Amino acid sequence: MHKLASFGRTDRSRNPATRPARHGIHPALFYVMFTLLLGGNGLLGTAFLLSPDIARLLNQQTEQVVQAYEDRITQLRVEVDRLHSRSYAQTGDINLQLQELAQQQDVLLEQHQLVRVLVDKAGELGIKAAALSQSTESSAALAYAVAPTASGNPDIDATAAAVSQMMDETQFAMTSIAETAVARTDSIVAELSGLGIVVDLPTAESGMGGPLLAPIGDSDSSLMVDDANAVMEALLRYKAARDSIEGAPVHMPIAGDFRRSSGFGNRTDPFTGGRAFHSGLDFAAASGTSVFSAGRGIVTFVGTSSGYGKMVEVTHDDGLVTRYAHLSGFLSEQGQRVNTGTPIAKVGSTGRSTGPHLHFEVRKGDNAINPKAFLDAGRRLQALI
């Protein structure tokens, strides 16, 4: 029985008709699956690469993305228009107009450079010029690229108007600098002249002459340079006027809010009780308080004088002399050159004095002048500059 059973199984395994059927993958199905797999991977990679853009879109930044593309398109259009404008510039009167425009732009750039120099110089002297367009240089450079209008012709008139406007701005800046410098110079001269101080200002060269000849070169450029030289001359005159203020004794000889204990002129003498002339201003201050030179000059006296006690004298550039009296000590030496605000002594109560104070005098020759007029003028001049 066992042999018959095994013999039967052996026969079935050897018989092809009785072997189980094996089914493979159809080639068409294989290609379809491969295509789907490849496409899915491609979509997945594309989604991965575009995920930032997708995120921006989902974060309501669509307008920004679209605007960025529109800007790029606009830039491309401008480049194309520039190429077209080159061909337009080769025909008719447009070429001549563009040449004139280029010359105007050259003048503008030169004018702008001169104005920048003048503005810097004016700033050093405390003069604020009229505001210049921050984009003047860039606008002038961009004006060389004349874009065609919708009609196909370069809009030269609009560009020329823009250049003209910028030239007007720079001219206005130069004019404002000159006007401010002249006005301040006149004010300084008027203040110091009222004190009897002559201001030495530089003047234009004289003694010029020669035959009248036609100008050579660009007249616009020559006029521009002449205007710039006139502005620089006004600034140099103003600088000389400012320097004259430093040489005049118009500055406070003591720092701080000190009480003016006695004025200039007739007063009741603190020792005799009678009427007497007081030749200066007194400032009540603690002994040892620093005393400063009221202007630029040379120390011409350091020592003791009858009635004044310890005293310092400074002779200034214009010949005026200032005295600082009733001092407790000296901080300067005879022959020393001092500037406005240089410490020269200390407050005291020496000489004919009832207490610590500074006696301040301004003298012209042998005559005492009211120091109040000088100090008042000094305050006005400081506010001016």
Protein backbone atom coordinates (compact mmCIF):
# COMPACT_ATOMS: atom_id res chain seq x y z
CA MET A 1 0.00 0.00 0.00
CA HIS A 2 2.79 2.37 0.91
CA LYS A 3 4.59 1.59 -2.30
CA LEU A 4 1.48 2.12 -4.38
CA ALA A 5 0.83 5.50 -2.68
CA SER A 6 4.39 6.71 -3.22
CA PHE A 7 4.31 5.46 -6.78
CA GLY A 8 1.14 7.42 -7.40
CA ARG A 9 2.62 10.68 -6.05
CA THR A 10 5.74 10.15 -8.12
CA ASP A 11 3.74 9.75 -11.28
CA ARG A 12 1.73 12.94 -10.70
CA SER A 13 4.87 14.99 -10.04
CA ARG A 14 6.44 13.78 -13.26
CA ASN A 15 3.31 14.37 -15.34
CA PRO A 16 3.26 17.92 -16.78
CA ALA A 17 -0.45 17.87 -17.15
CA THR A 18 -0.94 17.54 -13.45
CA ARG A 19 1.77 20.30 -12.48
CA PRO A 20 0.26 23.56 -10.92
CA ALA A 21 0.25 26.59 -13.30
CA ARG A 22 2.59 29.56 -12.54
CA HIS A 23 1.35 33.11 -13.58
CA GLY A 24 4.03 35.97 -14.26
CA ILE A 25 3.59 39.82 -14.50
CA HIS A 26 2.38 41.01 -17.84
CA PRO A 27 4.91 43.32 -19.56
CA ALA A 28 2.31 46.05 -20.18
CA LEU A 29 1.36 46.07 -16.52
CA PHE A 30 5.02 46.30 -15.57
CA TYR A 31 5.57 49.40 -17.72
CA VAL A 32 2.43 51.05 -16.40
CA MET A 33 3.54 50.53 -12.79
CA PHE A 34 7.05 51.76 -13.58
CA THR A 35 5.66 54.89 -15.21
CA LEU A 36 3.40 55.61 -12.23
CA LEU A 37 6.27 55.12 -9.82
CA LEU A 38 8.57 57.39 -11.80
CA GLY A 39 5.88 60.05 -12.13
CA GLY A 40 5.16 59.93 -8.42
CA ASN A 41 8.80 60.35 -7.59
CA GLY A 42 9.00 63.29 -9.97
CA LEU A 43 5.99 64.96 -8.40
CA LEU A 44 7.41 64.36 -4.95
CA GLY A 45 10.76 65.91 -5.92
CA THR A 46 9.06 68.86 -7.56
CA ALA A 47 6.91 69.44 -4.49
CA PHE A 48 10.02 69.28 -2.32
CA LEU A 49 11.87 71.82 -4.45
CA LEU A 50 8.88 74.16 -4.67
CA SER A 51 7.90 73.81 -1.04
CA PRO A 52 9.14 77.34 -0.11
CA ASP A 53 7.06 78.89 -2.90
CA ILE A 54 4.08 76.79 -1.93
CA ALA A 55 4.51 77.81 1.68
CA ARG A 56 4.62 81.50 0.69
CA LEU A 57 1.47 81.07 -1.35
CA LEU A 58 -0.24 79.36 1.54
CA ASN A 59 0.91 82.15 3.86
CA GLN A 60 -0.96 84.76 1.79
CA GLN A 61 2.20 86.12 0.12
CA THR A 62 0.87 85.65 -3.37
CA GLU A 63 0.90 89.37 -4.10
CA GLN A 64 4.56 89.71 -3.19
CA VAL A 65 5.55 86.84 -5.43
CA VAL A 66 3.54 88.22 -8.33
CA GLN A 67 4.95 91.70 -7.76
CA ALA A 68 8.49 90.33 -7.82
CA TYR A 69 7.86 88.72 -11.20
CA GLU A 70 6.25 91.88 -12.55
CA ASP A 71 9.29 93.90 -11.45
CA ARG A 72 11.59 91.56 -13.29
CA ILE A 73 9.43 91.76 -16.39
CA THR A 74 9.46 95.55 -16.17
CA GLN A 75 13.25 95.55 -15.96
CA LEU A 76 13.44 93.42 -19.05
CA ARG A 77 11.11 95.78 -20.89
CA VAL A 78 13.29 98.74 -19.91
CA GLU A 79 16.35 96.99 -21.28
CA VAL A 80 14.53 96.28 -24.53
CA ASP A 81 13.36 99.90 -24.73
CA ARG A 82 16.92 101.10 -24.26
CA LEU A 83 18.01 98.97 -27.17
CA HIS A 84 15.23 100.46 -29.28
CA SER A 85 16.17 104.00 -28.22
CA ARG A 86 19.65 103.51 -29.64
CA SER A 87 18.17 102.96 -33.07
CA TYR A 88 15.91 106.00 -32.69
CA ALA A 89 18.90 108.15 -31.76
CA GLN A 90 20.42 107.57 -35.18
CA THR A 91 17.67 109.36 -37.09
CA GLY A 92 16.45 112.91 -37.55
CA ASP A 93 16.67 115.69 -34.96
CA ILE A 94 16.50 113.23 -32.08
CA ASN A 95 20.22 112.62 -32.29
CA LEU A 96 20.94 116.35 -31.90
CA GLN A 97 18.53 116.62 -29.01
CA LEU A 98 20.19 113.72 -27.25
CA GLN A 99 23.60 115.32 -27.72
CA GLU A 100 22.36 118.56 -26.16
CA LEU A 101 20.84 116.59 -23.32
CA ALA A 102 24.14 114.80 -22.71
CA GLN A 103 25.94 118.15 -22.53
CA GLN A 104 23.41 119.43 -20.01
CA GLN A 105 23.94 116.35 -17.91
CA ASP A 106 27.70 116.87 -17.96
CA VAL A 107 27.17 120.43 -16.72
CA LEU A 108 24.80 119.14 -14.06
CA LEU A 109 27.30 116.62 -12.74
CA GLU A 110 30.06 119.25 -12.64
CA GLN A 111 27.73 121.71 -10.94
CA HIS A 112 26.74 119.11 -8.40
CA GLN A 113 30.37 118.38 -7.54
CA LEU A 114 31.05 122.08 -6.98
CA VAL A 115 27.99 122.41 -4.78
CA ARG A 116 29.09 119.45 -2.66
CA VAL A 117 32.41 121.20 -2.00
CA LEU A 118 30.64 124.44 -1.09
CA VAL A 119 28.15 122.63 1.14
CA ASP A 120 31.00 120.98 3.05
CA LYS A 121 32.81 124.29 3.46
CA ALA A 122 29.62 126.00 4.59
CA GLY A 123 28.99 123.20 7.09
CA GLU A 124 32.39 123.79 8.65
CA LEU A 125 31.35 127.42 9.23
CA GLY A 126 27.96 126.50 10.67
CA ILE A 127 25.92 127.38 7.58
CA LYS A 128 23.27 124.87 6.61
CA ALA A 129 22.61 124.91 2.90
CA ALA A 130 19.26 124.30 1.28
CA ALA A 131 18.49 120.58 1.11
CA LEU A 132 19.88 118.87 -1.97
CA SER A 133 18.10 115.95 -3.56
CA GLN A 134 19.78 112.80 -2.28
CA SER A 135 19.24 111.16 -5.66
CA THR A 136 20.71 113.93 -7.81
CA GLU A 137 23.73 111.95 -8.91
CA SER A 138 21.81 108.76 -9.55
CA SER A 139 19.03 110.62 -11.33
CA ALA A 140 21.52 112.37 -13.58
CA ALA A 141 23.13 109.05 -14.44
CA LEU A 142 19.82 107.39 -15.17
CA ALA A 143 18.78 110.27 -17.38
CA TYR A 144 21.25 109.08 -20.01
CA ALA A 145 18.95 106.11 -20.71
CA VAL A 146 16.06 107.82 -22.47
CA ALA A 147 13.15 105.41 -22.62
CA PRO A 148 10.73 105.60 -25.55
CA THR A 149 7.17 106.67 -24.94
CA ALA A 150 4.08 104.72 -25.95
CA SER A 151 4.19 106.42 -29.35
CA GLY A 152 7.63 104.94 -29.99
CA ASN A 153 9.61 108.19 -29.67
CA PRO A 154 12.10 108.91 -26.89
CA ASP A 155 10.63 111.18 -24.21
CA ILE A 156 13.49 113.66 -24.41
CA ASP A 157 11.46 116.64 -23.22
CA ALA A 158 10.56 114.96 -19.93
CA THR A 159 14.15 113.93 -19.32
CA ALA A 160 15.43 117.42 -20.17
CA ALA A 161 12.89 118.89 -17.73
CA ALA A 162 14.15 116.59 -14.99
CA VAL A 163 17.76 117.61 -15.64
CA SER A 164 16.77 121.28 -15.63
CA GLN A 165 14.97 120.84 -12.32
CA MET A 166 18.04 119.27 -10.74
CA MET A 167 20.21 122.09 -12.04
CA ASP A 168 17.82 124.59 -10.48
CA GLU A 169 18.08 122.75 -7.16
CA THR A 170 21.87 122.92 -7.12
CA GLN A 171 21.80 126.58 -8.18
CA PHE A 172 19.35 127.33 -5.37
CA ALA A 173 21.67 125.59 -2.89
CA MET A 174 24.59 127.78 -3.99
CA THR A 175 22.45 130.90 -3.79
CA SER A 176 21.23 130.06 -0.28
CA ILE A 177 24.80 129.51 0.94
CA ALA A 178 25.95 132.85 -0.48
CA GLU A 179 22.96 134.74 0.89
CA THR A 180 23.39 133.29 4.37
CA ALA A 181 27.13 133.97 4.40
CA VAL A 182 26.66 137.57 3.24
CA ALA A 183 23.86 138.23 5.76
CA ARG A 184 25.89 136.85 8.67
CA THR A 185 28.99 138.74 7.59
CA ASP A 186 27.03 141.99 7.47
CA SER A 187 25.59 141.32 10.93
CA ILE A 188 29.02 140.64 12.43
CA VAL A 189 30.50 143.74 10.83
CA ALA A 190 27.57 145.85 12.10
CA GLU A 191 27.89 144.52 15.67
CA LEU A 192 31.65 145.00 15.88
CA SER A 193 31.57 148.36 14.10
CA GLY A 194 29.14 149.54 16.75
CA LEU A 195 31.86 148.75 19.31
CA GLY A 196 34.48 150.65 17.33
CA ILE A 197 36.13 147.46 16.04
CA VAL A 198 37.15 147.43 12.38
CA VAL A 199 36.70 144.06 10.68
CA ASP A 200 39.35 143.25 8.08
CA LEU A 201 37.66 141.32 5.30
CA PRO A 202 39.29 139.93 2.14
CA THR A 203 38.34 141.76 -1.03
CA ALA A 204 38.33 140.75 -4.68
CA GLU A 205 41.47 141.43 -6.66
CA SER A 206 41.59 144.87 -8.26
CA GLY A 207 43.56 146.34 -11.15
CA MET A 208 42.12 144.05 -13.82
CA GLY A 209 41.81 145.01 -17.49
CA GLY A 210 42.38 143.99 -21.10
CA PRO A 211 40.57 143.97 -24.46
CA LEU A 212 37.02 142.69 -24.61
CA LEU A 213 37.08 139.26 -26.28
CA ALA A 214 34.45 136.62 -26.87
CA PRO A 215 34.38 133.81 -24.26
CA ILE A 216 36.14 130.56 -25.06
CA GLY A 217 34.59 127.18 -24.30
CA ASP A 218 31.28 126.33 -22.73
CA SER A 219 29.60 129.50 -21.49
CA ASP A 220 27.29 127.58 -19.15
CA SER A 221 30.25 125.90 -17.49
CA SER A 222 32.08 129.23 -17.18
CA LEU A 223 29.09 130.90 -15.57
CA MET A 224 28.73 127.99 -13.20
CA VAL A 225 32.38 128.24 -12.12
CA ASP A 226 31.99 132.01 -11.67
CA ASP A 227 28.96 131.45 -9.46
CA ALA A 228 30.84 128.87 -7.40
CA ASN A 229 33.79 131.24 -6.99
CA ALA A 230 31.44 133.99 -5.85
CA VAL A 231 29.95 131.68 -3.23
CA MET A 232 33.42 130.64 -2.04
CA GLU A 233 34.41 134.32 -1.78
CA ALA A 234 31.35 134.96 0.38
CA LEU A 235 32.32 132.03 2.61
CA LEU A 236 35.90 133.30 2.96
CA ARG A 237 34.62 136.74 3.97
CA TYR A 238 32.32 135.15 6.51
CA LYS A 239 35.19 133.09 7.91
CA ALA A 240 37.26 136.25 8.34
CA ALA A 241 34.33 137.92 10.09
CA ARG A 242 33.95 134.93 12.42
CA ASP A 243 37.66 135.01 13.23
CA SER A 244 37.37 138.68 14.14
CA ILE A 245 34.85 137.74 16.83
CA GLU A 246 37.48 135.60 18.53
CA GLY A 247 39.86 138.55 18.63
CA ALA A 248 37.29 140.92 20.12
CA PRO A 249 36.69 141.05 23.90
CA VAL A 250 33.00 140.17 23.66
CA HIS A 251 32.97 136.89 25.60
CA MET A 252 32.10 136.35 29.25
CA PRO A 253 35.24 136.36 31.45
CA ILE A 254 33.67 134.01 33.98
CA ALA A 255 31.63 130.84 33.52
CA GLY A 256 28.40 130.31 35.40
CA ASP A 257 25.35 132.28 36.47
CA PHE A 258 27.05 134.86 38.64
CA ARG A 259 25.31 137.97 39.92
CA ARG A 260 26.43 141.30 38.53
CA SER A 261 27.13 143.12 41.76
CA SER A 262 28.04 146.49 40.28
CA GLY A 263 27.66 148.16 36.89
CA PHE A 264 29.60 150.62 34.81
CA GLY A 265 29.37 154.37 35.50
CA ASN A 266 28.71 156.58 38.49
CA ARG A 267 27.70 154.82 41.69
CA THR A 268 27.80 155.15 45.47
CA ASP A 269 31.33 154.28 46.52
CA PRO A 270 31.26 151.35 49.03
CA PHE A 271 34.08 152.91 51.09
CA THR A 272 33.35 156.66 51.13
CA GLY A 273 29.58 156.61 50.57
CA GLY A 274 29.90 159.39 47.99
CA ARG A 275 29.42 159.39 44.26
CA ALA A 276 32.29 157.87 42.26
CA PHE A 277 32.92 156.52 38.81
CA HIS A 278 33.17 152.74 38.44
CA SER A 279 35.21 151.79 35.34
CA GLY A 280 34.01 148.23 34.86
CA LEU A 281 31.57 145.46 35.75
CA ASP A 282 31.74 143.44 38.98
CA PHE A 283 30.70 139.77 39.12
CA ALA A 284 30.23 138.29 42.59
CA ALA A 285 31.90 134.87 42.72
CA ALA A 286 33.63 132.64 45.23
CA SER A 287 37.33 133.10 45.75
CA GLY A 288 39.33 130.77 43.50
CA THR A 289 36.77 130.74 40.66
CA SER A 290 38.52 130.60 37.27
CA VAL A 291 38.75 133.78 35.20
CA PHE A 292 38.96 133.48 31.39
CA SER A 293 40.24 135.76 28.66
CA ALA A 294 37.34 137.57 26.99
CA GLY A 295 39.00 137.30 23.60
CA ARG A 296 42.13 136.34 21.69
CA GLY A 297 45.21 138.40 22.51
CA ILE A 298 48.49 138.67 24.41
CA VAL A 299 48.91 139.00 28.18
CA THR A 300 50.62 142.35 28.61
CA PHE A 301 50.50 142.72 32.41
CA VAL A 302 50.54 140.34 35.35
CA GLY A 303 51.04 141.84 38.79
CA THR A 304 49.66 144.19 41.41
CA SER A 305 48.21 147.64 40.71
CA SER A 306 47.04 150.29 43.16
CA GLY A 307 43.33 149.94 43.90
CA TYR A 308 43.03 146.90 41.61
CA GLY A 309 45.04 144.52 43.75
CA LYS A 310 46.30 141.54 41.76
CA MET A 311 45.49 142.20 38.11
CA VAL A 312 45.92 140.76 34.60
CA GLU A 313 45.72 142.75 31.38
CA VAL A 314 45.19 141.29 27.90
CA THR A 315 45.78 143.32 24.74
CA HIS A 316 43.57 142.11 21.90
CA ASP A 317 44.04 142.05 18.12
CA ASP A 318 42.17 145.33 17.59
CA GLY A 319 44.16 147.21 20.25
CA LEU A 320 41.50 147.03 22.95
CA VAL A 321 42.67 146.07 26.45
CA THR A 322 40.77 144.07 29.06
CA ARG A 323 41.54 144.17 32.77
CA TYR A 324 40.77 141.48 35.33
CA ALA A 325 41.23 142.76 38.88
CA HIS A 326 40.96 141.88 42.63
CA LEU A 327 42.39 138.45 41.84
CA SER A 328 43.61 135.84 44.30
CA GLY A 329 46.10 134.19 41.92
CA PHE A 330 47.48 134.08 38.39
CA LEU A 331 47.17 131.35 35.75
CA SER A 332 49.03 133.17 32.97
CA GLU A 333 52.34 134.91 32.32
CA GLN A 334 53.22 138.20 30.69
CA GLY A 335 53.82 137.76 26.98
CA GLN A 336 51.65 134.65 26.78
CA ARG A 337 49.33 134.42 23.77
CA VAL A 338 45.82 133.43 24.84
CA ASN A 339 42.61 132.54 23.06
CA THR A 340 39.00 133.16 23.97
CA GLY A 341 38.27 131.15 27.11
CA THR A 342 41.89 130.57 28.14
CA PRO A 343 42.13 130.50 32.01
CA ILE A 344 44.29 133.47 33.07
CA ALA A 345 43.57 134.02 36.79
CA LYS A 346 41.41 133.25 39.85
CA VAL A 347 38.76 135.36 41.54
CA GLY A 348 39.81 137.01 44.83
CA SER A 349 39.34 140.11 46.96
CA THR A 350 42.68 141.89 46.77
CA GLY A 351 43.07 145.65 46.47
CA ARG A 352 40.16 148.00 47.09
CA SER A 353 37.48 145.35 47.49
CA THR A 354 34.72 144.52 49.96
CA GLY A 355 34.55 140.79 49.12
CA PRO A 356 35.40 138.14 46.51
CA HIS A 357 34.40 139.26 43.04
CA LEU A 358 35.81 139.81 39.54
CA HIS A 359 36.29 143.36 38.29
CA PHE A 360 36.20 143.34 34.47
CA GLU A 361 37.18 146.34 32.35
CA VAL A 362 37.43 147.13 28.65
CA ARG A 363 39.76 150.00 27.74
CA LYS A 364 40.67 151.87 24.57
CA GLY A 365 43.81 153.85 25.15
CA ASP A 366 43.40 155.66 28.46
CA ASN A 367 39.60 155.50 28.43
CA ALA A 368 37.36 152.88 30.01
CA ILE A 369 34.44 151.62 27.86
CA ASN A 370 31.26 150.08 29.17
CA PRO A 371 31.87 146.29 29.08
CA LYS A 372 28.12 145.61 28.99
CA ALA A 373 27.90 146.70 25.35
CA PHE A 374 30.66 144.22 24.47
CA LEU A 375 29.14 141.30 26.37
CA ASP A 376 25.66 142.01 24.97
CA ALA A 377 27.08 142.07 21.44
CA GLY A 378 28.90 138.82 22.19
CA ARG A 379 25.67 137.10 23.16
CA ARG A 380 23.97 138.24 19.97
CA LEU A 381 26.91 137.13 17.86
CA GLN A 382 27.03 133.70 19.50
CA ALA A 383 23.34 133.26 18.74
CA LEU A 384 24.02 134.27 15.13
CA ILE A 385 26.82 131.84 14.42
